[in-house]
N, C-alpha and C. Protein backbone atom coordinates (compact mmCIF):
# COMPACT_ATOMS: atom_id res chain seq x y z
N UNK A 1 0.88 -0.98 -0.20
CA UNK A 1 -0.25 -0.13 0.02
C UNK A 1 0.63 1.60 0.29
N UNK A 2 1.03 1.95 -0.73
CA UNK A 2 1.59 2.59 -1.42
C UNK A 2 1.04 4.05 -0.77
N UNK A 3 1.53 4.57 -1.04
CA UNK A 3 1.13 6.19 -0.80
C UNK A 3 0.26 7.10 -2.05
N UNK A 4 -0.19 7.16 -2.17
CA UNK A 4 -0.54 7.65 -3.85
C UNK A 4 -0.41 9.35 -3.81
N UNK A 5 0.30 9.88 -4.54
CA UNK A 5 0.14 11.06 -4.90
C UNK A 5 -1.44 11.68 -5.27
N UNK A 6 -1.84 12.40 -5.29
CA UNK A 6 -2.74 13.15 -5.25
C UNK A 6 -2.30 13.89 -6.95
N UNK A 7 -2.59 14.29 -8.49
CA UNK A 7 -2.38 14.42 -9.20
C UNK A 7 -2.69 15.84 -9.04
N UNK A 8 -1.98 16.73 -9.61
CA UNK A 8 -2.96 18.58 -9.33
C UNK A 8 -2.94 18.52 -10.61
N UNK A 9 -4.72 18.98 -11.70
CA UNK A 9 -3.94 19.46 -12.43
C UNK A 9 -4.74 20.69 -12.43
N UNK A 10 -3.72 21.16 -13.97
CA UNK A 10 -3.63 22.42 -13.95
C UNK A 10 -4.84 22.95 -15.33
N UNK A 11 -6.25 23.93 -14.49
CA UNK A 11 -7.46 24.46 -15.55
C UNK A 11 -6.61 24.94 -16.41
N UNK A 12 -5.68 25.67 -15.76
CA UNK A 12 -5.51 27.13 -17.17
C UNK A 12 -4.28 26.94 -17.03
N UNK A 13 -3.82 26.93 -17.88
CA UNK A 13 -1.94 26.87 -18.29
C UNK A 13 -1.93 28.82 -19.26
N UNK A 14 -0.93 28.72 -18.55
CA UNK A 14 0.06 30.40 -18.73
C UNK A 14 -0.72 30.57 -19.87
N UNK A 15 -0.32 29.83 -21.19
CA UNK A 15 -0.91 30.26 -22.76
C UNK A 15 -2.83 30.47 -22.76
N UNK A 16 -3.05 29.00 -22.47
CA UNK A 16 -4.55 29.57 -22.75
C UNK A 16 -5.00 30.32 -21.79
N UNK A 17 -4.38 30.89 -20.31
CA UNK A 17 -5.08 32.10 -19.79
C UNK A 17 -4.61 33.59 -20.61
N UNK A 18 -4.10 33.74 -21.61
CA UNK A 18 -3.56 34.32 -21.98
C UNK A 18 -4.79 34.88 -23.16
N UNK A 19 -4.82 33.50 -24.19
CA UNK A 19 -5.57 33.27 -24.80
C UNK A 19 -7.09 33.72 -24.53
N UNK A 20 -7.28 32.98 -23.80
CA UNK A 20 -8.85 33.45 -22.91
C UNK A 20 -9.10 34.16 -21.98
N UNK A 21 -8.08 35.49 -22.13
CA UNK A 21 -7.94 36.94 -21.59
C UNK A 21 -8.23 38.42 -23.06
N UNK A 22 -7.60 37.13 -24.38
CA UNK A 22 -7.43 37.91 -25.60
C UNK A 22 -8.33 37.99 -26.13
N UNK A 23 -9.64 36.51 -26.04
CA UNK A 23 -10.74 36.65 -26.62
C UNK A 23 -12.18 37.50 -25.09
N UNK A 24 -11.64 37.12 -24.26
CA UNK A 24 -13.17 38.11 -23.59
C UNK A 24 -12.61 40.27 -23.79
N UNK A 25 -11.32 39.79 -24.36
CA UNK A 25 -10.80 41.97 -24.47
C UNK A 25 -11.57 41.81 -26.10
N UNK A 26 -11.22 41.04 -26.63
CA UNK A 26 -11.91 41.75 -28.04
C UNK A 26 -13.38 40.69 -27.97
N UNK A 27 -14.25 40.23 -26.88
CA UNK A 27 -15.44 40.68 -27.05
C UNK A 27 -16.24 41.64 -26.40
N UNK A 28 -15.40 42.25 -25.55
CA UNK A 28 -15.51 43.56 -24.72
C UNK A 28 -15.69 44.97 -25.83
N UNK A 29 -14.14 45.02 -26.61
CA UNK A 29 -14.59 45.77 -27.36
C UNK A 29 -15.67 45.45 -28.99
N UNK A 30 -15.77 44.66 -28.85
CA UNK A 30 -16.78 44.51 -30.24
C UNK A 30 -17.99 44.98 -29.63
N UNK A 31 -18.39 44.58 -28.89
CA UNK A 31 -19.66 44.63 -27.79
C UNK A 31 -20.08 46.28 -27.93
N UNK A 32 -19.09 47.41 -27.83
CA UNK A 32 -19.43 48.46 -27.31
C UNK A 32 -18.87 49.14 -28.82
N UNK A 33 -18.47 48.77 -29.17
CA UNK A 33 -18.38 49.52 -30.94
C UNK A 33 -19.34 48.89 -31.89
N UNK A 34 -20.09 48.04 -31.53
CA UNK A 34 -20.96 47.41 -32.14
C UNK A 34 -22.36 48.52 -32.13
N UNK A 35 -23.50 49.03 -32.80
CA UNK A 35 -24.64 49.92 -31.68
C UNK A 35 -24.96 48.39 -31.79
N UNK A 36 -26.21 49.04 -30.75
CA UNK A 36 -26.70 48.21 -30.49
C UNK A 36 -28.08 49.08 -30.37
N UNK A 37 -30.10 48.27 -30.97
CA UNK A 37 -30.79 49.05 -31.11
C UNK A 37 -30.90 48.04 -30.12
N UNK A 38 -32.07 48.38 -29.64
CA UNK A 38 -33.56 47.98 -29.04
C UNK A 38 -34.56 48.02 -29.25
N UNK A 39 -35.17 49.34 -29.94
CA UNK A 39 -36.48 49.23 -30.32
C UNK A 39 -36.29 50.82 -31.52
N UNK A 40 -36.89 50.82 -31.79
CA UNK A 40 -36.69 52.38 -33.12
C UNK A 40 -38.36 53.15 -32.82
N UNK A 41 -38.06 53.90 -32.79
CA UNK A 41 -39.74 55.23 -33.54
C UNK A 41 -39.09 56.51 -34.14
N UNK A 42 -40.24 57.70 -33.69
CA UNK A 42 -40.18 58.08 -34.73
C UNK A 42 -40.51 59.49 -33.52
N UNK A 43 -41.04 60.51 -34.60
CA UNK A 43 -42.42 61.94 -33.47
C UNK A 43 -42.39 63.28 -34.41
N UNK A 44 -43.21 63.35 -34.45
CA UNK A 44 -43.84 64.42 -35.51
C UNK A 44 -44.37 65.99 -34.06
N UNK A 45 -43.85 66.72 -33.74
CA UNK A 45 -43.45 68.20 -32.97
C UNK A 45 -44.71 68.47 -33.70
N UNK A 46 -45.95 68.88 -33.51
CA UNK A 46 -47.04 69.15 -33.70
C UNK A 46 -47.48 70.88 -32.56
N UNK A 47 -46.73 71.91 -33.55
CA UNK A 47 -47.21 72.97 -33.25
C UNK A 47 -47.97 74.36 -33.51
N UNK A 48 -48.87 75.19 -32.89
CA UNK A 48 -49.67 75.85 -33.29
C UNK A 48 -49.55 76.94 -32.52
N UNK A 49 -50.63 77.99 -33.38
CA UNK A 49 -51.02 79.07 -32.00
C UNK A 49 -52.64 79.65 -32.12
N UNK A 50 -52.89 78.94 -31.41
CA UNK A 50 -54.52 79.09 -30.91
C UNK A 50 -54.94 80.75 -30.87
N UNK A 51 -53.94 81.86 -31.56
CA UNK A 51 -54.54 83.21 -31.54
C UNK A 51 -54.26 83.11 -32.51
N UNK A 52 -53.90 82.87 -33.38
CA UNK A 52 -52.83 83.60 -34.37
C UNK A 52 -51.97 84.84 -34.18
N UNK A 53 -51.79 85.57 -35.62
CA UNK A 53 -50.13 86.34 -35.55
C UNK A 53 -50.65 87.74 -35.96
N UNK A 54 -50.49 88.66 -35.52
CA UNK A 54 -50.67 90.06 -35.37
C UNK A 54 -49.58 90.82 -35.11
N UNK A 55 -49.72 91.91 -37.15
CA UNK A 55 -48.68 92.49 -37.01
C UNK A 55 -48.57 93.37 -37.96
N UNK A 56 -49.01 94.22 -38.59
CA UNK A 56 -49.78 95.38 -38.61
C UNK A 56 -48.90 96.55 -39.40
N UNK A 57 -48.44 96.67 -40.14
CA UNK A 57 -47.49 98.26 -40.46
C UNK A 57 -47.91 99.30 -41.61
N UNK A 58 -47.81 100.68 -41.03
CA UNK A 58 -48.31 101.83 -42.37
C UNK A 58 -46.98 101.99 -43.09
N UNK A 59 -47.38 102.12 -44.09
CA UNK A 59 -46.22 103.16 -44.74
C UNK A 59 -46.88 104.09 -45.23
N UNK A 60 -45.90 105.65 -46.27
CA UNK A 60 -44.96 105.56 -45.41
C UNK A 60 -45.36 106.69 -44.46
N UNK A 61 -44.95 107.22 -43.43
CA UNK A 61 -45.65 107.70 -41.97
C UNK A 61 -45.42 109.19 -41.96
N UNK A 62 -44.87 109.93 -42.93
CA UNK A 62 -45.06 111.34 -42.67
C UNK A 62 -45.30 112.10 -44.54
N UNK A 63 -46.59 113.12 -43.51
CA UNK A 63 -46.81 113.95 -44.86
C UNK A 63 -46.69 115.01 -45.36
N UNK A 64 -46.19 116.10 -46.27
CA UNK A 64 -46.49 117.42 -46.27
C UNK A 64 -47.64 117.68 -46.85
N UNK A 65 -48.82 118.11 -46.11
CA UNK A 65 -49.23 119.41 -47.74
C UNK A 65 -48.66 120.74 -48.27
N UNK A 66 -47.72 121.46 -47.19
CA UNK A 66 -47.31 122.36 -47.55
C UNK A 66 -48.77 123.69 -47.55
N UNK A 67 -48.78 124.86 -48.19
CA UNK A 67 -49.92 124.54 -47.84
C UNK A 67 -51.21 124.40 -48.55
N UNK A 68 -52.13 125.03 -46.98
CA UNK A 68 -53.64 125.00 -47.68
C UNK A 68 -54.61 126.51 -46.97
N UNK A 69 -54.89 126.51 -48.12
CA UNK A 69 -55.95 127.72 -47.63
C UNK A 69 -56.81 127.82 -47.06
N UNK A 70 -57.58 128.80 -46.89
CA UNK A 70 -58.85 129.30 -46.18
C UNK A 70 -59.45 128.57 -46.97
N UNK A 71 -61.30 127.51 -46.12
CA UNK A 71 -62.24 127.19 -47.56
C UNK A 71 -61.80 126.14 -48.47
N UNK A 72 -60.40 125.70 -48.12
CA UNK A 72 -59.69 124.45 -49.78
C UNK A 72 -59.09 123.71 -48.55
N UNK A 73 -59.35 122.39 -49.03
CA UNK A 73 -58.78 121.49 -49.34
C UNK A 73 -57.01 120.93 -50.26
N UNK A 74 -55.92 120.31 -49.23
CA UNK A 74 -55.62 119.24 -50.54
C UNK A 74 -56.00 117.84 -50.17
N UNK A 75 -55.03 117.14 -50.75
CA UNK A 75 -55.58 115.57 -50.68
C UNK A 75 -53.77 115.24 -51.72
N UNK A 76 -53.66 113.92 -50.90
CA UNK A 76 -53.29 112.84 -51.69
C UNK A 76 -53.84 111.65 -52.60
N UNK A 77 -53.68 111.35 -52.93
CA UNK A 77 -54.09 110.18 -54.62
C UNK A 77 -53.96 109.33 -53.24
N UNK A 78 -55.78 108.86 -53.64
CA UNK A 78 -56.26 107.48 -52.31
C UNK A 78 -55.04 106.20 -53.06
N UNK A 79 -54.12 106.18 -53.32
CA UNK A 79 -53.09 104.86 -52.91
C UNK A 79 -51.62 105.34 -52.36
N UNK A 80 -51.88 106.75 -51.44
CA UNK A 80 -51.11 107.20 -51.22
C UNK A 80 -49.54 106.34 -50.44
N UNK A 81 -50.58 105.42 -49.43
CA UNK A 81 -50.16 105.35 -48.46
C UNK A 81 -51.05 103.45 -48.11
N UNK A 82 -50.51 103.06 -47.08
CA UNK A 82 -50.49 101.47 -47.48
C UNK A 82 -50.87 100.84 -46.26
N UNK A 83 -51.52 100.00 -45.44
CA UNK A 83 -51.82 99.62 -43.98
C UNK A 83 -51.69 98.35 -44.67
N UNK A 84 -50.17 97.84 -44.11
CA UNK A 84 -49.96 96.57 -44.43
C UNK A 84 -50.89 95.61 -43.38
N UNK A 85 -51.25 94.19 -42.82
CA UNK A 85 -51.33 92.75 -42.22
C UNK A 85 -50.53 91.50 -42.49
N UNK A 86 -49.55 91.90 -42.02
CA UNK A 86 -48.10 90.87 -41.64
C UNK A 86 -48.90 89.74 -41.43
N UNK A 87 -49.95 89.56 -40.73
CA UNK A 87 -50.37 88.93 -39.83
C UNK A 87 -50.69 87.69 -40.13
N UNK A 88 -51.30 86.85 -39.82
CA UNK A 88 -52.24 85.64 -39.86
C UNK A 88 -53.67 85.86 -39.81
N UNK A 89 -54.78 86.70 -39.28
CA UNK A 89 -55.41 87.00 -38.97
C UNK A 89 -55.97 88.56 -39.09
N UNK A 90 -57.37 88.61 -39.55
CA UNK A 90 -57.79 89.33 -40.32
C UNK A 90 -57.88 91.14 -38.85
N UNK A 91 -58.01 91.74 -39.02
CA UNK A 91 -57.50 92.79 -38.16
C UNK A 91 -58.41 93.73 -38.33
N UNK A 92 -59.17 94.37 -37.26
CA UNK A 92 -59.74 96.02 -37.40
C UNK A 92 -58.40 97.16 -36.95
N UNK A 93 -58.80 97.98 -37.81
CA UNK A 93 -57.82 99.53 -37.65
C UNK A 93 -58.42 99.69 -37.01
N UNK A 94 -57.61 100.66 -36.07
CA UNK A 94 -58.22 101.99 -35.55
C UNK A 94 -57.85 103.19 -35.92
N UNK A 95 -58.67 104.44 -36.17
CA UNK A 95 -57.60 105.12 -37.09
C UNK A 95 -58.66 106.58 -35.92
N UNK A 96 -58.07 107.59 -35.62
CA UNK A 96 -58.25 108.34 -35.32
C UNK A 96 -56.96 109.57 -34.96
N UNK A 97 -57.61 110.82 -34.32
CA UNK A 97 -56.55 112.29 -34.49
C UNK A 97 -56.28 112.85 -33.26
N UNK A 98 -54.97 113.46 -32.95
CA UNK A 98 -54.91 114.08 -31.96
C UNK A 98 -55.76 115.65 -32.19
N UNK A 99 -56.47 115.60 -30.98
CA UNK A 99 -56.93 117.55 -31.66
C UNK A 99 -56.06 118.28 -31.36
N UNK A 100 -54.61 118.18 -31.72
CA UNK A 100 -54.21 120.09 -31.82
C UNK A 100 -53.00 118.96 -32.68
N UNK A 101 -52.45 121.08 -33.16
CA UNK A 101 -51.01 120.31 -33.33
C UNK A 101 -49.84 120.92 -32.52
N UNK A 102 -48.83 120.34 -32.90
CA UNK A 102 -47.63 120.40 -31.67
C UNK A 102 -47.31 122.05 -31.51
N UNK A 103 -48.16 123.05 -31.88
CA UNK A 103 -47.73 124.32 -32.28
C UNK A 103 -48.44 125.06 -30.45
N UNK A 104 -47.34 126.19 -30.68
CA UNK A 104 -48.17 126.54 -29.30
C UNK A 104 -49.02 127.60 -29.89
N UNK A 105 -49.20 128.75 -30.66
CA UNK A 105 -50.04 129.07 -31.20
C UNK A 105 -50.64 127.90 -32.32
N UNK A 106 -52.01 127.04 -32.03
CA UNK A 106 -51.86 126.25 -33.24
C UNK A 106 -53.81 125.96 -32.95
N UNK A 107 -54.14 125.96 -34.30
CA UNK A 107 -55.42 125.14 -34.80
C UNK A 107 -55.83 124.31 -34.04
N UNK A 108 -57.25 123.69 -34.66
CA UNK A 108 -58.17 123.19 -33.40
C UNK A 108 -58.74 121.99 -34.60
N UNK A 109 -57.93 120.60 -35.08
CA UNK A 109 -58.81 119.92 -35.19
C UNK A 109 -60.21 119.16 -34.94
N UNK A 110 -60.41 119.36 -35.56
CA UNK A 110 -62.48 119.08 -34.99
C UNK A 110 -63.02 118.05 -36.46
N UNK A 111 -63.52 116.97 -36.01
CA UNK A 111 -64.14 115.22 -36.42
C UNK A 111 -65.38 116.25 -36.84
N UNK A 112 -65.85 115.58 -38.01
CA UNK A 112 -67.45 115.73 -38.74
C UNK A 112 -67.31 116.38 -39.78
N UNK A 113 -68.22 117.24 -40.14
CA UNK A 113 -68.13 117.57 -41.69
C UNK A 113 -67.44 119.12 -42.33
N UNK A 114 -67.70 120.07 -42.52
CA UNK A 114 -67.75 121.45 -42.77
C UNK A 114 -66.56 122.03 -41.88
N UNK A 115 -64.93 121.93 -41.06
CA UNK A 115 -64.52 122.59 -40.03
C UNK A 115 -64.91 124.44 -40.08
N UNK A 116 -65.21 124.05 -38.65
CA UNK A 116 -65.54 125.50 -38.53
C UNK A 116 -64.26 126.74 -38.81
N UNK A 117 -64.60 128.05 -38.45
CA UNK A 117 -63.03 129.20 -38.19
C UNK A 117 -61.35 128.17 -37.52
N UNK A 118 -60.74 128.40 -38.39
CA UNK A 118 -59.58 128.93 -37.76
C UNK A 118 -59.50 126.70 -37.35
N UNK A 119 -60.48 126.07 -37.76
CA UNK A 119 -60.08 124.67 -37.31
C UNK A 119 -59.76 124.05 -38.30
N UNK A 120 -58.95 122.84 -38.36
CA UNK A 120 -58.91 121.35 -39.72
C UNK A 120 -59.73 120.67 -39.38
N UNK A 121 -60.25 120.13 -40.47
CA UNK A 121 -60.42 118.05 -40.54
C UNK A 121 -59.70 117.60 -40.89
N UNK A 122 -59.23 115.80 -40.67
CA UNK A 122 -57.86 115.75 -41.31
C UNK A 122 -59.06 114.10 -42.39
N UNK A 123 -58.62 114.01 -43.07
CA UNK A 123 -59.93 112.75 -43.29
C UNK A 123 -58.90 111.41 -44.38
N UNK A 124 -59.81 110.21 -44.54
CA UNK A 124 -58.79 109.69 -45.12
C UNK A 124 -59.65 108.53 -46.46
N UNK A 125 -58.96 108.76 -47.64
CA UNK A 125 -59.78 108.30 -48.75
C UNK A 125 -59.28 106.87 -48.96
N UNK A 126 -60.38 106.10 -49.11
CA UNK A 126 -59.98 104.70 -49.92
C UNK A 126 -60.10 102.91 -48.65
N UNK A 127 -60.81 103.81 -47.73
CA UNK A 127 -60.85 103.45 -47.00
C UNK A 127 -62.49 102.29 -46.17
N UNK A 128 -63.04 101.90 -45.22
CA UNK A 128 -63.78 101.01 -45.71
C UNK A 128 -65.15 102.83 -45.86
N UNK A 129 -65.11 103.67 -45.14
CA UNK A 129 -65.77 105.10 -45.45
C UNK A 129 -64.79 106.05 -45.53
N UNK A 130 -65.57 106.91 -46.04
CA UNK A 130 -64.61 108.66 -46.79
C UNK A 130 -65.00 108.79 -45.42
N UNK A 131 -64.85 108.87 -43.65
CA UNK A 131 -65.37 109.89 -43.26
C UNK A 131 -64.37 110.90 -42.32
N UNK A 132 -64.46 112.34 -41.58
CA UNK A 132 -62.75 112.71 -41.34
C UNK A 132 -62.37 111.72 -39.96
N UNK A 133 -61.54 111.92 -39.22
CA UNK A 133 -60.72 111.10 -38.48
C UNK A 133 -61.17 111.35 -37.13
N UNK A 134 -61.79 110.91 -36.18
CA UNK A 134 -62.16 111.48 -34.65
C UNK A 134 -60.94 111.92 -33.64
N UNK A 135 -61.36 112.95 -33.17
CA UNK A 135 -60.02 113.53 -32.84
C UNK A 135 -59.95 112.98 -31.51
N UNK A 136 -60.52 111.97 -31.05
CA UNK A 136 -60.00 110.65 -29.99
C UNK A 136 -60.58 109.60 -30.23
N UNK A 137 -60.24 108.57 -29.67
CA UNK A 137 -59.96 107.25 -29.89
C UNK A 137 -60.97 106.06 -29.13
N UNK A 138 -62.40 107.15 -28.34
CA UNK A 138 -63.38 106.74 -28.20
C UNK A 138 -64.41 106.89 -29.69
N UNK A 139 -64.48 107.12 -30.45
CA UNK A 139 -65.02 107.42 -31.30
C UNK A 139 -64.12 107.30 -32.57
N UNK A 140 -64.11 106.08 -32.89
CA UNK A 140 -62.63 105.73 -33.58
C UNK A 140 -63.67 105.64 -35.29
N UNK A 141 -62.73 105.87 -36.52
CA UNK A 141 -62.96 105.41 -37.31
C UNK A 141 -61.92 104.21 -37.66
N UNK A 142 -62.78 102.97 -38.60
CA UNK A 142 -62.13 101.56 -39.04
C UNK A 142 -61.55 101.08 -39.67
N UNK A 143 -61.18 100.41 -40.69
CA UNK A 143 -60.89 99.66 -41.55
C UNK A 143 -60.77 98.20 -41.33
N UNK A 144 -60.23 97.15 -42.31
CA UNK A 144 -60.77 96.10 -41.63
C UNK A 144 -59.14 95.42 -43.16
N UNK A 145 -58.37 94.50 -42.59
CA UNK A 145 -57.87 94.34 -43.05
C UNK A 145 -56.76 93.15 -42.80
N UNK A 146 -57.77 91.82 -44.58
CA UNK A 146 -57.43 90.86 -43.63
C UNK A 146 -56.19 89.82 -43.54
N UNK A 147 -55.73 89.14 -43.47
CA UNK A 147 -54.42 88.28 -42.81
C UNK A 147 -53.22 88.00 -43.81
N UNK A 148 -52.16 87.51 -43.32
CA UNK A 148 -51.32 86.74 -44.76
C UNK A 148 -50.73 87.83 -46.16
N UNK A 149 -49.91 88.97 -45.11
CA UNK A 149 -49.86 89.96 -46.20
C UNK A 149 -50.71 91.11 -47.18
N UNK A 150 -51.79 91.33 -47.05
CA UNK A 150 -52.30 91.77 -47.41
C UNK A 150 -52.56 92.93 -46.71
N UNK A 151 -52.41 93.64 -48.08
CA UNK A 151 -52.77 95.25 -47.86
C UNK A 151 -53.93 96.09 -48.25
N UNK A 152 -54.23 97.64 -48.16
CA UNK A 152 -54.81 98.08 -48.23
C UNK A 152 -54.88 99.57 -47.91
N UNK A 153 -54.95 100.40 -49.06
CA UNK A 153 -54.67 101.55 -49.64
C UNK A 153 -55.08 102.42 -49.55
N UNK A 154 -54.97 103.67 -48.86
CA UNK A 154 -55.92 105.27 -48.39
C UNK A 154 -54.66 106.14 -48.88
N UNK A 155 -55.87 107.04 -48.72
CA UNK A 155 -55.58 108.33 -49.38
C UNK A 155 -55.36 109.08 -48.51
N UNK A 156 -54.74 110.82 -47.61
CA UNK A 156 -54.68 111.51 -46.35
C UNK A 156 -54.72 113.03 -47.74
N UNK A 157 -56.61 113.04 -46.23
CA UNK A 157 -57.69 115.11 -47.19
C UNK A 157 -56.65 116.24 -45.35
N UNK A 158 -56.77 117.04 -46.21
CA UNK A 158 -57.11 117.86 -45.05
C UNK A 158 -58.19 119.03 -45.92
N UNK A 159 -58.34 119.67 -44.65
CA UNK A 159 -59.41 120.46 -44.85
C UNK A 159 -59.71 121.68 -44.29
N UNK A 160 -59.46 122.68 -44.44
CA UNK A 160 -59.32 124.20 -43.44
C UNK A 160 -60.85 125.00 -43.53
N UNK A 161 -61.54 125.35 -42.73
CA UNK A 161 -62.01 125.94 -41.68
C UNK A 161 -62.48 127.42 -43.15
N UNK A 162 -63.60 127.99 -42.82
CA UNK A 162 -63.65 128.63 -44.62
C UNK A 162 -63.08 129.45 -43.57
N UNK A 163 -62.74 130.65 -42.75
CA UNK A 163 -62.36 131.88 -41.96
C UNK A 163 -61.04 131.63 -41.42
N UNK A 164 -60.33 132.07 -41.40
CA UNK A 164 -58.82 132.40 -40.10
C UNK A 164 -58.90 133.32 -39.40
N UNK A 165 -58.31 133.94 -38.23
CA UNK A 165 -58.72 134.70 -37.91
C UNK A 165 -57.30 135.85 -37.85
N UNK A 166 -56.11 134.32 -38.33
CA UNK A 166 -55.03 135.51 -38.17
C UNK A 166 -54.15 134.48 -38.77
N UNK A 167 -52.84 134.72 -39.14
CA UNK A 167 -51.84 133.84 -39.92
C UNK A 167 -51.15 132.79 -38.88
N UNK A 168 -52.26 131.72 -39.08
CA UNK A 168 -51.05 131.02 -38.06
C UNK A 168 -49.79 130.03 -38.09
N UNK A 169 -49.14 129.23 -37.87
CA UNK A 169 -47.62 129.00 -37.88
C UNK A 169 -47.87 127.13 -38.54
N UNK A 170 -46.99 127.03 -39.25
CA UNK A 170 -46.84 125.62 -39.40
C UNK A 170 -47.50 124.22 -38.35
N UNK A 171 -48.48 124.18 -38.79
CA UNK A 171 -48.83 123.08 -37.73
C UNK A 171 -48.97 121.66 -38.08
N UNK A 172 -48.77 120.23 -37.43
CA UNK A 172 -48.30 119.44 -37.13
C UNK A 172 -49.11 118.72 -36.28
N UNK A 173 -50.34 117.56 -36.88
CA UNK A 173 -51.18 116.60 -36.23
C UNK A 173 -50.10 115.23 -36.31
N UNK A 174 -51.05 114.36 -35.54
CA UNK A 174 -50.83 112.58 -35.96
C UNK A 174 -52.28 111.92 -35.65
N UNK A 175 -51.68 111.39 -36.97
CA UNK A 175 -53.05 109.84 -37.02
C UNK A 175 -52.78 108.59 -36.42
N UNK A 176 -53.05 108.05 -35.80
CA UNK A 176 -52.74 106.97 -34.68
C UNK A 176 -53.91 106.17 -35.75
N UNK A 177 -52.31 104.98 -35.97
CA UNK A 177 -54.00 103.66 -35.92
C UNK A 177 -52.62 102.65 -35.26
N UNK A 178 -54.40 101.67 -34.82
CA UNK A 178 -53.78 100.42 -33.61
C UNK A 178 -54.68 99.37 -34.33
N UNK A 179 -54.12 98.18 -34.38
CA UNK A 179 -54.85 96.95 -35.07
C UNK A 179 -55.07 95.69 -34.14
N UNK A 180 -56.46 95.50 -34.15
CA UNK A 180 -56.77 94.16 -32.80
C UNK A 180 -57.45 93.83 -33.80
N UNK A 181 -57.51 92.44 -33.30
CA UNK A 181 -57.89 91.15 -33.88
C UNK A 181 -59.21 91.21 -34.16
N UNK A 182 -60.05 90.80 -35.43
CA UNK A 182 -60.77 91.19 -35.53
C UNK A 182 -62.46 90.01 -35.40
């Protein structure tokens, strides 16, 4: 009966360890460099404006009638100016002027028919109505301009009262345009 020695089996030799490690590193590189697709999908982004857009302008923005005599009027061509609606919705354009010019001794703007002595009136041509421009925002003249780069040509007219009590200086006044969604 002798003593038997147990034989030790080496599962991995140095060479087989190197080969196994090289295979393991190669697999790690392959899995990291190869794109993996787990699921595919797509999307559509939908946007909209429930109120539409409002973009309004008037051009040109100044005019000089030069001299206008008492009891007479001067006017531009009907298509002298243009209101532009570059928005996407139809707008109501409110038009009014200030009551007086900016000179210290000034004439007074009058809305209504023929202006009184030492008064003047402004009105537009080519609008929905050819009326005198009101002198307050509360009593407005308005025009409608459709959306989508639509224009409305118009003209201006100034009328001087039949009599003047003095030699008035150069008068300046402002016409206001305000657009709101109709």
